[in-house]
N, C-alpha and C. Protein backbone atom coordinates (compact mmCIF):
# COMPACT_ATOMS: atom_id res chain seq x y z
N MET A 1 9.07 -5.86 4.14
CA MET A 1 8.83 -6.89 3.14
C MET A 1 9.45 -6.46 1.82
N ASN A 2 10.61 -7.00 1.51
CA ASN A 2 11.33 -6.68 0.28
C ASN A 2 11.24 -7.86 -0.66
N PRO A 3 10.68 -7.68 -1.88
CA PRO A 3 10.50 -8.82 -2.78
C PRO A 3 11.81 -9.43 -3.23
N ASP A 4 12.94 -8.72 -3.10
CA ASP A 4 14.23 -9.25 -3.52
C ASP A 4 14.97 -9.94 -2.37
N THR A 5 14.40 -9.95 -1.20
CA THR A 5 15.01 -10.58 -0.04
C THR A 5 14.39 -11.96 0.20
N PRO A 6 15.22 -13.02 0.20
CA PRO A 6 14.66 -14.35 0.47
C PRO A 6 13.97 -14.39 1.83
N THR A 7 12.89 -15.13 1.91
CA THR A 7 12.15 -15.22 3.15
C THR A 7 11.70 -16.65 3.38
N SER A 8 11.62 -17.04 4.64
CA SER A 8 11.17 -18.39 4.97
C SER A 8 9.66 -18.44 5.13
N ILE A 9 8.99 -17.30 5.03
CA ILE A 9 7.54 -17.26 5.19
C ILE A 9 6.87 -17.83 3.95
N MET A 10 6.02 -18.79 4.15
CA MET A 10 5.28 -19.38 3.04
C MET A 10 3.85 -18.87 3.07
N LEU A 11 3.40 -18.35 1.94
CA LEU A 11 2.03 -17.85 1.86
C LEU A 11 1.06 -19.01 1.72
N ASP A 12 -0.17 -18.74 2.16
CA ASP A 12 -1.22 -19.74 1.99
C ASP A 12 -2.55 -19.01 1.81
N GLU A 13 -3.62 -19.70 2.04
CA GLU A 13 -4.93 -19.10 1.79
C GLU A 13 -5.27 -18.01 2.79
N ASN A 14 -4.52 -17.91 3.86
CA ASN A 14 -4.73 -16.84 4.83
C ASN A 14 -3.84 -15.65 4.47
N PRO A 15 -4.39 -14.46 4.33
CA PRO A 15 -3.58 -13.29 3.98
C PRO A 15 -2.48 -13.04 5.01
N LEU A 16 -1.33 -12.56 4.53
CA LEU A 16 -0.24 -12.16 5.40
C LEU A 16 -0.30 -10.64 5.55
N ILE A 17 -0.70 -10.16 6.71
CA ILE A 17 -0.95 -8.73 6.93
C ILE A 17 -0.07 -8.24 8.07
N ASP A 18 0.75 -7.22 7.81
CA ASP A 18 1.59 -6.66 8.85
C ASP A 18 0.72 -6.05 9.95
N PRO A 19 1.12 -6.20 11.21
CA PRO A 19 0.30 -5.66 12.31
C PRO A 19 0.07 -4.16 12.24
N SER A 20 0.97 -3.42 11.58
CA SER A 20 0.82 -1.98 11.52
C SER A 20 -0.11 -1.52 10.40
N ALA A 21 -0.52 -2.43 9.52
CA ALA A 21 -1.43 -2.06 8.43
C ALA A 21 -2.81 -1.75 8.99
N VAL A 22 -3.49 -0.79 8.37
CA VAL A 22 -4.83 -0.39 8.77
C VAL A 22 -5.80 -0.77 7.66
N LEU A 23 -6.71 -1.67 7.95
CA LEU A 23 -7.72 -2.11 6.99
C LEU A 23 -9.10 -1.71 7.50
N GLN A 24 -9.90 -1.15 6.60
CA GLN A 24 -11.25 -0.74 6.95
C GLN A 24 -12.19 -1.13 5.82
N ASP A 25 -13.16 -1.98 6.12
CA ASP A 25 -14.12 -2.44 5.10
C ASP A 25 -13.39 -2.94 3.86
N ALA A 26 -12.39 -3.79 4.08
CA ALA A 26 -11.59 -4.33 2.98
C ALA A 26 -11.83 -5.82 2.83
N THR A 27 -11.86 -6.28 1.58
CA THR A 27 -11.99 -7.69 1.27
C THR A 27 -10.65 -8.19 0.74
N ILE A 28 -10.11 -9.24 1.37
CA ILE A 28 -8.76 -9.70 1.06
C ILE A 28 -8.82 -11.16 0.59
N GLY A 29 -8.12 -11.44 -0.52
CA GLY A 29 -8.13 -12.78 -1.09
C GLY A 29 -7.03 -13.67 -0.53
N ARG A 30 -6.85 -14.82 -1.19
CA ARG A 30 -5.87 -15.83 -0.77
C ARG A 30 -4.47 -15.48 -1.26
N TYR A 31 -3.47 -15.97 -0.57
CA TYR A 31 -2.06 -15.81 -0.96
C TYR A 31 -1.71 -14.33 -1.16
N THR A 32 -2.26 -13.47 -0.36
CA THR A 32 -2.03 -12.04 -0.48
C THR A 32 -1.08 -11.57 0.62
N GLU A 33 -0.43 -10.41 0.36
CA GLU A 33 0.47 -9.81 1.33
C GLU A 33 0.18 -8.31 1.44
N ILE A 34 0.14 -7.82 2.67
CA ILE A 34 -0.02 -6.40 2.93
C ILE A 34 1.07 -5.99 3.91
N ALA A 35 1.93 -5.07 3.49
CA ALA A 35 3.13 -4.73 4.25
C ALA A 35 2.87 -3.65 5.30
N ALA A 36 3.94 -3.26 5.97
CA ALA A 36 3.85 -2.29 7.07
C ALA A 36 3.38 -0.93 6.59
N GLY A 37 2.55 -0.30 7.41
CA GLY A 37 2.13 1.07 7.15
C GLY A 37 1.10 1.25 6.06
N VAL A 38 0.57 0.16 5.53
CA VAL A 38 -0.45 0.26 4.48
C VAL A 38 -1.78 0.68 5.08
N LYS A 39 -2.50 1.54 4.34
CA LYS A 39 -3.88 1.89 4.68
C LYS A 39 -4.75 1.46 3.50
N LEU A 40 -5.66 0.53 3.75
CA LEU A 40 -6.53 -0.01 2.71
C LEU A 40 -7.97 0.13 3.19
N GLN A 41 -8.73 0.98 2.52
CA GLN A 41 -10.07 1.32 2.97
C GLN A 41 -11.10 1.09 1.88
N GLN A 42 -12.19 0.46 2.24
CA GLN A 42 -13.34 0.26 1.35
C GLN A 42 -12.87 -0.20 -0.03
N SER A 43 -12.02 -1.22 -0.02
CA SER A 43 -11.40 -1.72 -1.24
C SER A 43 -11.34 -3.25 -1.20
N SER A 44 -11.00 -3.85 -2.34
CA SER A 44 -10.82 -5.30 -2.40
C SER A 44 -9.45 -5.61 -3.00
N LEU A 45 -8.83 -6.66 -2.46
CA LEU A 45 -7.53 -7.14 -2.93
C LEU A 45 -7.70 -8.62 -3.25
N ASP A 46 -7.63 -8.95 -4.54
CA ASP A 46 -7.94 -10.33 -4.95
C ASP A 46 -6.72 -11.23 -4.78
N ASP A 47 -6.89 -12.50 -5.09
CA ASP A 47 -5.92 -13.54 -4.82
C ASP A 47 -4.52 -13.23 -5.39
N TYR A 48 -3.49 -13.54 -4.61
CA TYR A 48 -2.07 -13.49 -4.99
C TYR A 48 -1.53 -12.06 -5.14
N SER A 49 -2.30 -11.06 -4.91
CA SER A 49 -1.82 -9.68 -5.04
C SER A 49 -1.11 -9.25 -3.77
N TYR A 50 -0.21 -8.28 -3.90
CA TYR A 50 0.48 -7.77 -2.71
C TYR A 50 0.61 -6.25 -2.76
N ILE A 51 0.70 -5.66 -1.57
CA ILE A 51 0.85 -4.22 -1.41
C ILE A 51 2.06 -3.98 -0.52
N MET A 52 3.03 -3.22 -1.03
CA MET A 52 4.24 -2.96 -0.27
C MET A 52 4.04 -1.80 0.72
N GLU A 53 5.12 -1.40 1.37
CA GLU A 53 5.04 -0.50 2.51
C GLU A 53 4.43 0.87 2.19
N ARG A 54 3.67 1.38 3.16
CA ARG A 54 3.21 2.77 3.22
C ARG A 54 2.29 3.19 2.08
N CYS A 55 1.63 2.26 1.46
CA CYS A 55 0.66 2.61 0.42
C CYS A 55 -0.65 3.06 1.08
N GLU A 56 -1.35 3.98 0.40
CA GLU A 56 -2.67 4.42 0.84
C GLU A 56 -3.65 4.21 -0.30
N ILE A 57 -4.65 3.38 -0.05
CA ILE A 57 -5.58 2.97 -1.09
C ILE A 57 -7.00 3.03 -0.55
N ILE A 58 -7.88 3.67 -1.30
CA ILE A 58 -9.28 3.75 -0.91
C ILE A 58 -10.17 3.63 -2.14
N TYR A 59 -11.36 3.06 -1.97
CA TYR A 59 -12.35 2.93 -3.05
C TYR A 59 -11.71 2.33 -4.31
N THR A 60 -11.09 1.17 -4.16
CA THR A 60 -10.35 0.55 -5.27
C THR A 60 -10.61 -0.94 -5.30
N ASP A 61 -10.77 -1.49 -6.51
CA ASP A 61 -10.91 -2.92 -6.72
C ASP A 61 -9.64 -3.42 -7.41
N ILE A 62 -8.88 -4.25 -6.72
CA ILE A 62 -7.57 -4.73 -7.19
C ILE A 62 -7.70 -6.19 -7.59
N GLY A 63 -7.28 -6.50 -8.82
CA GLY A 63 -7.43 -7.85 -9.35
C GLY A 63 -6.45 -8.84 -8.77
N LYS A 64 -6.27 -9.94 -9.46
CA LYS A 64 -5.39 -11.02 -9.03
C LYS A 64 -3.96 -10.79 -9.54
N PHE A 65 -2.99 -11.25 -8.77
CA PHE A 65 -1.57 -11.19 -9.15
C PHE A 65 -1.10 -9.76 -9.41
N VAL A 66 -1.65 -8.80 -8.71
CA VAL A 66 -1.27 -7.39 -8.86
C VAL A 66 -0.08 -7.09 -7.96
N ASN A 67 0.87 -6.34 -8.51
CA ASN A 67 2.11 -5.99 -7.81
C ASN A 67 2.11 -4.50 -7.52
N ILE A 68 1.99 -4.11 -6.27
CA ILE A 68 1.93 -2.70 -5.90
C ILE A 68 3.14 -2.36 -5.05
N ALA A 69 4.03 -1.53 -5.59
CA ALA A 69 5.26 -1.16 -4.91
C ALA A 69 4.98 -0.21 -3.75
N SER A 70 6.02 0.17 -3.03
CA SER A 70 5.86 0.99 -1.83
C SER A 70 5.47 2.43 -2.16
N ASP A 71 4.82 3.08 -1.20
CA ASP A 71 4.49 4.51 -1.25
C ASP A 71 3.57 4.89 -2.40
N VAL A 72 2.78 3.94 -2.85
CA VAL A 72 1.79 4.22 -3.90
C VAL A 72 0.55 4.83 -3.27
N ARG A 73 -0.07 5.75 -3.99
CA ARG A 73 -1.34 6.36 -3.54
C ARG A 73 -2.39 6.11 -4.63
N ILE A 74 -3.46 5.45 -4.25
CA ILE A 74 -4.52 5.15 -5.20
C ILE A 74 -5.83 5.76 -4.73
N ASN A 75 -6.41 6.58 -5.57
CA ASN A 75 -7.68 7.25 -5.34
C ASN A 75 -7.62 8.29 -4.22
N PRO A 76 -6.66 9.22 -4.29
CA PRO A 76 -6.64 10.30 -3.31
C PRO A 76 -7.89 11.16 -3.45
N GLY A 77 -8.31 11.78 -2.38
CA GLY A 77 -9.56 12.54 -2.38
C GLY A 77 -9.56 13.74 -3.30
N ASN A 78 -10.62 13.85 -4.08
CA ASN A 78 -10.81 15.03 -4.92
C ASN A 78 -11.41 16.18 -4.11
N HIS A 79 -11.04 17.39 -4.46
CA HIS A 79 -11.66 18.57 -3.85
C HIS A 79 -12.65 19.18 -4.85
N PRO A 80 -13.64 19.92 -4.36
CA PRO A 80 -14.69 20.47 -5.24
C PRO A 80 -14.22 21.73 -5.95
N VAL A 81 -13.47 21.57 -7.03
CA VAL A 81 -12.86 22.72 -7.71
C VAL A 81 -13.90 23.65 -8.35
N GLU A 82 -15.12 23.15 -8.56
CA GLU A 82 -16.15 23.97 -9.19
C GLU A 82 -16.93 24.81 -8.18
N TRP A 83 -16.73 24.58 -6.88
CA TRP A 83 -17.40 25.37 -5.87
C TRP A 83 -16.66 26.68 -5.61
N VAL A 84 -17.27 27.56 -4.85
CA VAL A 84 -16.63 28.83 -4.53
C VAL A 84 -15.30 28.59 -3.82
N SER A 85 -15.29 27.64 -2.88
CA SER A 85 -14.06 27.28 -2.16
C SER A 85 -13.79 25.79 -2.32
N GLN A 86 -12.52 25.44 -2.37
CA GLN A 86 -12.12 24.04 -2.44
C GLN A 86 -11.91 23.43 -1.06
N HIS A 87 -11.98 24.23 -0.02
CA HIS A 87 -11.65 23.80 1.33
C HIS A 87 -12.69 22.84 1.88
N HIS A 88 -12.23 21.92 2.75
CA HIS A 88 -13.16 20.90 3.21
C HIS A 88 -14.12 21.37 4.30
N PHE A 89 -14.11 22.64 4.65
CA PHE A 89 -15.17 23.12 5.56
C PHE A 89 -16.53 23.03 4.89
N LEU A 90 -16.56 22.96 3.55
CA LEU A 90 -17.83 22.89 2.83
C LEU A 90 -18.44 21.49 2.85
N TYR A 91 -17.67 20.47 3.21
CA TYR A 91 -18.27 19.12 3.29
C TYR A 91 -17.98 18.45 4.63
N ARG A 92 -16.91 18.83 5.33
CA ARG A 92 -16.69 18.35 6.70
C ARG A 92 -17.31 19.38 7.66
N LEU A 93 -18.60 19.51 7.57
CA LEU A 93 -19.32 20.60 8.24
C LEU A 93 -19.25 20.51 9.76
N LYS A 94 -19.33 19.31 10.31
CA LYS A 94 -19.32 19.14 11.76
C LYS A 94 -18.02 19.64 12.38
N ARG A 95 -16.92 19.40 11.71
CA ARG A 95 -15.61 19.77 12.26
C ARG A 95 -15.50 21.27 12.48
N TYR A 96 -16.18 22.04 11.67
CA TYR A 96 -16.08 23.50 11.75
C TYR A 96 -17.30 24.14 12.39
N GLY A 97 -18.18 23.31 12.95
CA GLY A 97 -19.35 23.84 13.62
C GLY A 97 -20.34 24.49 12.67
N MET A 98 -20.33 24.06 11.40
CA MET A 98 -21.23 24.63 10.40
C MET A 98 -22.59 23.94 10.38
N ALA A 99 -22.63 22.69 10.80
CA ALA A 99 -23.88 21.94 10.79
C ALA A 99 -23.70 20.71 11.68
N GLU A 100 -24.82 20.02 11.94
CA GLU A 100 -24.76 18.83 12.77
C GLU A 100 -24.29 17.60 12.00
N HIS A 101 -24.36 17.66 10.67
CA HIS A 101 -23.99 16.51 9.85
C HIS A 101 -23.09 16.98 8.70
N ASP A 102 -22.18 16.09 8.29
CA ASP A 102 -21.36 16.38 7.12
C ASP A 102 -22.20 16.27 5.85
N LEU A 103 -21.62 16.72 4.74
CA LEU A 103 -22.33 16.73 3.47
C LEU A 103 -22.20 15.35 2.82
N ASP A 104 -23.16 14.47 3.11
CA ASP A 104 -23.08 13.09 2.65
C ASP A 104 -23.03 12.98 1.13
N SER A 105 -23.70 13.87 0.43
CA SER A 105 -23.73 13.77 -1.03
C SER A 105 -22.33 13.89 -1.63
N PHE A 106 -21.48 14.71 -1.01
CA PHE A 106 -20.11 14.85 -1.51
C PHE A 106 -19.31 13.57 -1.28
N PHE A 107 -19.43 13.00 -0.09
CA PHE A 107 -18.68 11.78 0.20
C PHE A 107 -19.20 10.59 -0.61
N ASN A 108 -20.49 10.57 -0.88
CA ASN A 108 -21.03 9.52 -1.74
C ASN A 108 -20.50 9.65 -3.16
N TRP A 109 -20.33 10.88 -3.62
CA TRP A 109 -19.74 11.11 -4.94
C TRP A 109 -18.31 10.59 -4.98
N ARG A 110 -17.54 10.84 -3.94
CA ARG A 110 -16.18 10.31 -3.89
C ARG A 110 -16.17 8.79 -3.97
N LYS A 111 -17.08 8.15 -3.25
CA LYS A 111 -17.13 6.70 -3.22
C LYS A 111 -17.43 6.11 -4.59
N ARG A 112 -18.19 6.85 -5.40
CA ARG A 112 -18.53 6.35 -6.73
C ARG A 112 -17.37 6.45 -7.71
N GLN A 113 -16.33 7.21 -7.39
CA GLN A 113 -15.19 7.38 -8.29
C GLN A 113 -14.17 6.26 -8.04
N ARG A 114 -14.61 5.01 -8.12
CA ARG A 114 -13.75 3.89 -7.79
C ARG A 114 -12.66 3.68 -8.84
N VAL A 115 -11.54 3.17 -8.39
CA VAL A 115 -10.44 2.79 -9.27
C VAL A 115 -10.49 1.28 -9.46
N SER A 116 -10.17 0.82 -10.67
CA SER A 116 -10.11 -0.61 -10.96
C SER A 116 -8.71 -0.96 -11.47
N ILE A 117 -8.08 -1.94 -10.82
CA ILE A 117 -6.74 -2.38 -11.19
C ILE A 117 -6.83 -3.79 -11.75
N GLY A 118 -6.46 -3.97 -13.02
CA GLY A 118 -6.60 -5.26 -13.69
C GLY A 118 -5.62 -6.31 -13.19
N HIS A 119 -5.88 -7.55 -13.56
CA HIS A 119 -5.05 -8.68 -13.15
C HIS A 119 -3.62 -8.53 -13.68
N ASP A 120 -2.65 -9.00 -12.89
CA ASP A 120 -1.25 -9.08 -13.29
C ASP A 120 -0.67 -7.73 -13.69
N SER A 121 -1.18 -6.65 -13.14
CA SER A 121 -0.61 -5.33 -13.41
C SER A 121 0.46 -5.01 -12.37
N TRP A 122 1.26 -4.00 -12.68
CA TRP A 122 2.38 -3.61 -11.81
C TRP A 122 2.33 -2.10 -11.62
N ILE A 123 2.18 -1.68 -10.38
CA ILE A 123 2.12 -0.26 -10.04
C ILE A 123 3.44 0.10 -9.35
N GLY A 124 4.25 0.97 -9.97
CA GLY A 124 5.59 1.27 -9.50
C GLY A 124 5.63 2.19 -8.29
N HIS A 125 6.81 2.26 -7.71
CA HIS A 125 7.08 3.03 -6.49
C HIS A 125 6.63 4.49 -6.62
N LYS A 126 5.87 4.94 -5.64
CA LYS A 126 5.39 6.33 -5.53
C LYS A 126 4.48 6.77 -6.67
N ALA A 127 3.92 5.83 -7.40
CA ALA A 127 2.92 6.19 -8.41
C ALA A 127 1.66 6.69 -7.72
N ILE A 128 0.92 7.55 -8.42
CA ILE A 128 -0.36 8.07 -7.95
C ILE A 128 -1.40 7.78 -9.02
N ILE A 129 -2.49 7.16 -8.62
CA ILE A 129 -3.59 6.87 -9.54
C ILE A 129 -4.80 7.64 -9.07
N LEU A 130 -5.27 8.54 -9.89
CA LEU A 130 -6.34 9.45 -9.52
C LEU A 130 -7.71 8.76 -9.54
N PRO A 131 -8.72 9.38 -8.95
CA PRO A 131 -10.04 8.76 -8.84
C PRO A 131 -10.65 8.41 -10.19
N GLY A 132 -11.40 7.30 -10.21
CA GLY A 132 -12.17 6.91 -11.38
C GLY A 132 -11.39 6.23 -12.48
N ILE A 133 -10.11 5.92 -12.26
CA ILE A 133 -9.26 5.37 -13.30
C ILE A 133 -9.39 3.85 -13.38
N THR A 134 -9.26 3.33 -14.59
CA THR A 134 -9.19 1.89 -14.82
C THR A 134 -7.82 1.53 -15.38
N ILE A 135 -7.14 0.60 -14.73
CA ILE A 135 -5.86 0.08 -15.19
C ILE A 135 -6.13 -1.31 -15.78
N GLY A 136 -5.78 -1.53 -17.04
CA GLY A 136 -6.09 -2.79 -17.69
C GLY A 136 -5.22 -3.95 -17.25
N ASN A 137 -5.63 -5.15 -17.60
CA ASN A 137 -4.86 -6.35 -17.29
C ASN A 137 -3.43 -6.23 -17.83
N GLY A 138 -2.46 -6.66 -17.04
CA GLY A 138 -1.09 -6.74 -17.51
C GLY A 138 -0.39 -5.42 -17.72
N ALA A 139 -0.99 -4.32 -17.29
CA ALA A 139 -0.40 -3.00 -17.53
C ALA A 139 0.72 -2.72 -16.53
N VAL A 140 1.56 -1.73 -16.88
CA VAL A 140 2.65 -1.28 -16.02
C VAL A 140 2.54 0.22 -15.84
N VAL A 141 2.51 0.68 -14.59
CA VAL A 141 2.56 2.10 -14.26
C VAL A 141 3.94 2.36 -13.67
N ALA A 142 4.74 3.18 -14.35
CA ALA A 142 6.12 3.40 -13.93
C ALA A 142 6.19 4.14 -12.60
N ALA A 143 7.34 4.00 -11.94
CA ALA A 143 7.57 4.69 -10.67
C ALA A 143 7.39 6.19 -10.83
N GLY A 144 6.69 6.79 -9.89
CA GLY A 144 6.51 8.23 -9.88
C GLY A 144 5.48 8.77 -10.85
N ALA A 145 4.83 7.90 -11.61
CA ALA A 145 3.83 8.35 -12.57
C ALA A 145 2.58 8.86 -11.86
N VAL A 146 1.91 9.83 -12.50
CA VAL A 146 0.62 10.30 -12.02
C VAL A 146 -0.40 9.97 -13.10
N VAL A 147 -1.27 9.02 -12.79
CA VAL A 147 -2.20 8.49 -13.79
C VAL A 147 -3.52 9.25 -13.70
N SER A 148 -3.82 10.01 -14.75
CA SER A 148 -5.05 10.79 -14.80
C SER A 148 -6.00 10.30 -15.88
N ARG A 149 -5.59 9.29 -16.65
CA ARG A 149 -6.43 8.69 -17.68
C ARG A 149 -6.33 7.18 -17.59
N ASP A 150 -7.34 6.50 -18.12
CA ASP A 150 -7.33 5.04 -18.11
C ASP A 150 -6.07 4.51 -18.81
N VAL A 151 -5.59 3.37 -18.33
CA VAL A 151 -4.40 2.73 -18.89
C VAL A 151 -4.83 1.46 -19.61
N ALA A 152 -4.49 1.35 -20.88
CA ALA A 152 -4.90 0.21 -21.69
C ALA A 152 -4.22 -1.07 -21.21
N PRO A 153 -4.86 -2.21 -21.40
CA PRO A 153 -4.24 -3.49 -21.01
C PRO A 153 -2.87 -3.68 -21.66
N TYR A 154 -1.94 -4.23 -20.93
CA TYR A 154 -0.61 -4.61 -21.40
C TYR A 154 0.21 -3.42 -21.91
N SER A 155 -0.15 -2.22 -21.52
CA SER A 155 0.63 -1.05 -21.91
C SER A 155 1.48 -0.59 -20.74
N ILE A 156 2.55 0.15 -21.06
CA ILE A 156 3.44 0.72 -20.07
C ILE A 156 3.31 2.24 -20.14
N VAL A 157 2.99 2.87 -19.00
CA VAL A 157 2.83 4.32 -18.97
C VAL A 157 3.81 4.90 -17.95
N ALA A 158 4.23 6.14 -18.21
CA ALA A 158 5.18 6.80 -17.32
C ALA A 158 5.00 8.30 -17.43
N GLY A 159 5.47 9.03 -16.41
CA GLY A 159 5.49 10.49 -16.48
C GLY A 159 4.39 11.15 -15.70
N VAL A 160 4.42 12.49 -15.76
CA VAL A 160 3.44 13.34 -15.09
C VAL A 160 2.93 14.37 -16.09
N PRO A 161 1.69 14.23 -16.57
CA PRO A 161 0.81 13.08 -16.35
C PRO A 161 1.30 11.85 -17.11
N ALA A 162 0.87 10.68 -16.69
CA ALA A 162 1.33 9.44 -17.31
C ALA A 162 0.87 9.35 -18.76
N ARG A 163 1.82 8.94 -19.62
CA ARG A 163 1.54 8.75 -21.05
C ARG A 163 2.07 7.40 -21.49
N PRO A 164 1.45 6.81 -22.53
CA PRO A 164 1.91 5.51 -23.01
C PRO A 164 3.35 5.56 -23.52
N ILE A 165 4.14 4.56 -23.13
CA ILE A 165 5.51 4.41 -23.62
C ILE A 165 5.56 3.34 -24.71
N ARG A 166 5.02 2.20 -24.42
CA ARG A 166 4.94 1.11 -25.40
C ARG A 166 4.00 0.04 -24.86
N GLU A 167 3.70 -0.94 -25.71
CA GLU A 167 2.93 -2.09 -25.28
C GLU A 167 3.88 -3.23 -24.95
N ARG A 168 3.51 -4.02 -23.96
CA ARG A 168 4.37 -5.12 -23.55
C ARG A 168 4.45 -6.20 -24.62
N PHE A 169 3.35 -6.48 -25.29
CA PHE A 169 3.28 -7.56 -26.27
C PHE A 169 2.51 -7.09 -27.50
N PRO A 170 2.71 -7.75 -28.64
CA PRO A 170 1.85 -7.50 -29.79
C PRO A 170 0.39 -7.79 -29.46
N ARG A 171 -0.51 -7.19 -30.21
CA ARG A 171 -1.93 -7.31 -29.91
C ARG A 171 -2.42 -8.75 -29.92
N ALA A 172 -1.89 -9.58 -30.82
CA ALA A 172 -2.32 -10.99 -30.87
C ALA A 172 -1.95 -11.73 -29.60
N VAL A 173 -0.78 -11.40 -29.05
CA VAL A 173 -0.36 -12.02 -27.79
C VAL A 173 -1.26 -11.58 -26.65
N GLN A 174 -1.59 -10.30 -26.62
CA GLN A 174 -2.49 -9.79 -25.60
C GLN A 174 -3.82 -10.52 -25.63
N GLN A 175 -4.35 -10.70 -26.84
CA GLN A 175 -5.64 -11.37 -26.98
C GLN A 175 -5.56 -12.82 -26.52
N SER A 176 -4.44 -13.46 -26.81
CA SER A 176 -4.26 -14.84 -26.35
C SER A 176 -4.24 -14.93 -24.84
N LEU A 177 -3.51 -14.03 -24.21
CA LEU A 177 -3.44 -14.05 -22.75
C LEU A 177 -4.80 -13.82 -22.12
N ASP A 178 -5.58 -12.93 -22.71
CA ASP A 178 -6.92 -12.70 -22.17
C ASP A 178 -7.81 -13.92 -22.36
N ARG A 179 -7.65 -14.61 -23.51
CA ARG A 179 -8.44 -15.82 -23.70
C ARG A 179 -8.05 -16.90 -22.70
N ILE A 180 -6.76 -17.01 -22.44
CA ILE A 180 -6.30 -18.03 -21.51
C ILE A 180 -6.75 -17.71 -20.08
N SER A 181 -6.67 -16.42 -19.72
CA SER A 181 -7.07 -15.98 -18.37
C SER A 181 -6.45 -16.87 -17.29
N TRP A 182 -5.14 -17.02 -17.37
CA TRP A 182 -4.44 -17.92 -16.45
C TRP A 182 -4.62 -17.52 -14.99
N TRP A 183 -4.91 -16.25 -14.74
CA TRP A 183 -5.08 -15.79 -13.35
C TRP A 183 -6.29 -16.41 -12.67
N ASP A 184 -7.16 -17.04 -13.47
CA ASP A 184 -8.30 -17.73 -12.88
C ASP A 184 -8.05 -19.21 -12.64
N TRP A 185 -6.87 -19.70 -13.02
CA TRP A 185 -6.54 -21.09 -12.74
C TRP A 185 -6.43 -21.30 -11.23
N ASP A 186 -6.68 -22.53 -10.79
CA ASP A 186 -6.52 -22.81 -9.37
C ASP A 186 -5.03 -22.97 -9.04
N HIS A 187 -4.75 -22.99 -7.75
CA HIS A 187 -3.36 -22.98 -7.28
C HIS A 187 -2.57 -24.18 -7.80
N GLU A 188 -3.17 -25.35 -7.77
CA GLU A 188 -2.47 -26.56 -8.19
C GLU A 188 -2.19 -26.54 -9.69
N THR A 189 -3.12 -26.02 -10.49
CA THR A 189 -2.90 -25.93 -11.93
C THR A 189 -1.73 -25.01 -12.24
N ILE A 190 -1.68 -23.87 -11.57
CA ILE A 190 -0.56 -22.96 -11.76
C ILE A 190 0.75 -23.64 -11.37
N ARG A 191 0.75 -24.34 -10.26
CA ARG A 191 1.97 -25.01 -9.81
C ARG A 191 2.44 -26.04 -10.83
N GLN A 192 1.51 -26.80 -11.38
CA GLN A 192 1.87 -27.84 -12.34
C GLN A 192 2.40 -27.26 -13.66
N ARG A 193 1.91 -26.08 -14.01
CA ARG A 193 2.29 -25.47 -15.29
C ARG A 193 3.33 -24.37 -15.13
N LEU A 194 3.96 -24.30 -13.98
CA LEU A 194 4.85 -23.19 -13.65
C LEU A 194 5.96 -23.00 -14.68
N ASP A 195 6.58 -24.07 -15.13
CA ASP A 195 7.70 -23.95 -16.07
C ASP A 195 7.30 -23.27 -17.37
N ASP A 196 6.04 -23.40 -17.75
CA ASP A 196 5.58 -22.82 -19.02
C ASP A 196 5.47 -21.30 -18.97
N PHE A 197 5.42 -20.72 -17.78
CA PHE A 197 5.26 -19.28 -17.65
C PHE A 197 6.50 -18.50 -18.10
N TYR A 198 7.64 -19.16 -18.21
CA TYR A 198 8.88 -18.46 -18.55
C TYR A 198 9.09 -18.32 -20.05
N ASP A 199 8.22 -18.90 -20.85
CA ASP A 199 8.34 -18.82 -22.32
C ASP A 199 6.97 -18.50 -22.88
N ILE A 200 6.77 -17.25 -23.27
CA ILE A 200 5.41 -16.83 -23.65
C ILE A 200 4.93 -17.52 -24.92
N ARG A 201 5.83 -17.80 -25.86
CA ARG A 201 5.41 -18.50 -27.08
C ARG A 201 4.91 -19.91 -26.75
N ARG A 202 5.66 -20.58 -25.93
CA ARG A 202 5.25 -21.93 -25.51
C ARG A 202 3.94 -21.87 -24.73
N PHE A 203 3.83 -20.91 -23.86
CA PHE A 203 2.64 -20.75 -23.03
C PHE A 203 1.39 -20.60 -23.89
N ILE A 204 1.46 -19.72 -24.86
CA ILE A 204 0.30 -19.48 -25.73
C ILE A 204 0.01 -20.71 -26.59
N HIS A 205 1.07 -21.34 -27.09
CA HIS A 205 0.89 -22.54 -27.91
C HIS A 205 0.17 -23.63 -27.14
N LEU A 206 0.51 -23.77 -25.86
CA LEU A 206 -0.08 -24.84 -25.05
C LEU A 206 -1.49 -24.55 -24.59
N TYR A 207 -1.77 -23.29 -24.29
CA TYR A 207 -3.00 -23.01 -23.52
C TYR A 207 -4.03 -22.13 -24.21
N ASP A 208 -3.69 -21.51 -25.33
CA ASP A 208 -4.72 -20.75 -26.03
C ASP A 208 -5.60 -21.72 -26.80
N ASN A 209 -6.89 -21.52 -26.67
CA ASN A 209 -7.85 -22.38 -27.36
C ASN A 209 -7.86 -22.03 -28.85
N GLN A 210 -7.38 -22.94 -29.67
CA GLN A 210 -7.26 -22.68 -31.11
C GLN A 210 -8.60 -22.35 -31.76
N ASP A 211 -9.64 -22.96 -31.24
CA ASP A 211 -10.95 -22.76 -31.85
C ASP A 211 -11.48 -21.35 -31.63
N ASP A 212 -10.94 -20.62 -30.63
CA ASP A 212 -11.42 -19.28 -30.34
C ASP A 212 -10.68 -18.20 -31.13
N ARG A 213 -9.63 -18.58 -31.86
CA ARG A 213 -8.84 -17.58 -32.56
C ARG A 213 -9.55 -17.12 -33.82
N SER A 214 -9.44 -15.83 -34.12
CA SER A 214 -10.07 -15.28 -35.33
C SER A 214 -9.05 -15.23 -36.45
């Protein structure tokens, strides 16, 4: 699934999921795409978002219209660096014959370190987003970035570790977009207003509620 390659496949309210993708306890929205080799576990993918090839995602809530490039890793497992050993024999106890049950408290701690990906964000090729991170609405994570801190809405971050490069829009524009919350419009409304999306000044002029401006 290459976004630059024309396709005759038309999306609809039923998710388009490659047969090789592995989904476990995942909630999938409308007009979504999940490409080959994706692993999506205990996560949610909201309407219109897509995940490209070979991504591995766990314990993550993904908003609407999110663009996730190939080979992205979101919420890789943390090891217990404060313990005597970092090795997983200390929590995968059954595998090593150490106990009859694994250490549930450790796995429950991992589950609580959820990642949140805001609406209309873009996660670049081979980016890594560490546990517990929040990516704001409209943000961009550059290819190959390792995100170890929260990413502000509408900001662009890059590098290892990822650092802010610039903001996509002035603060007033960001506030207008959040007030409009176009990602919550229904499908027909978006279709009818499609031409307005190509001119941000026109878009804000038409759809920002004047009475809400400070």
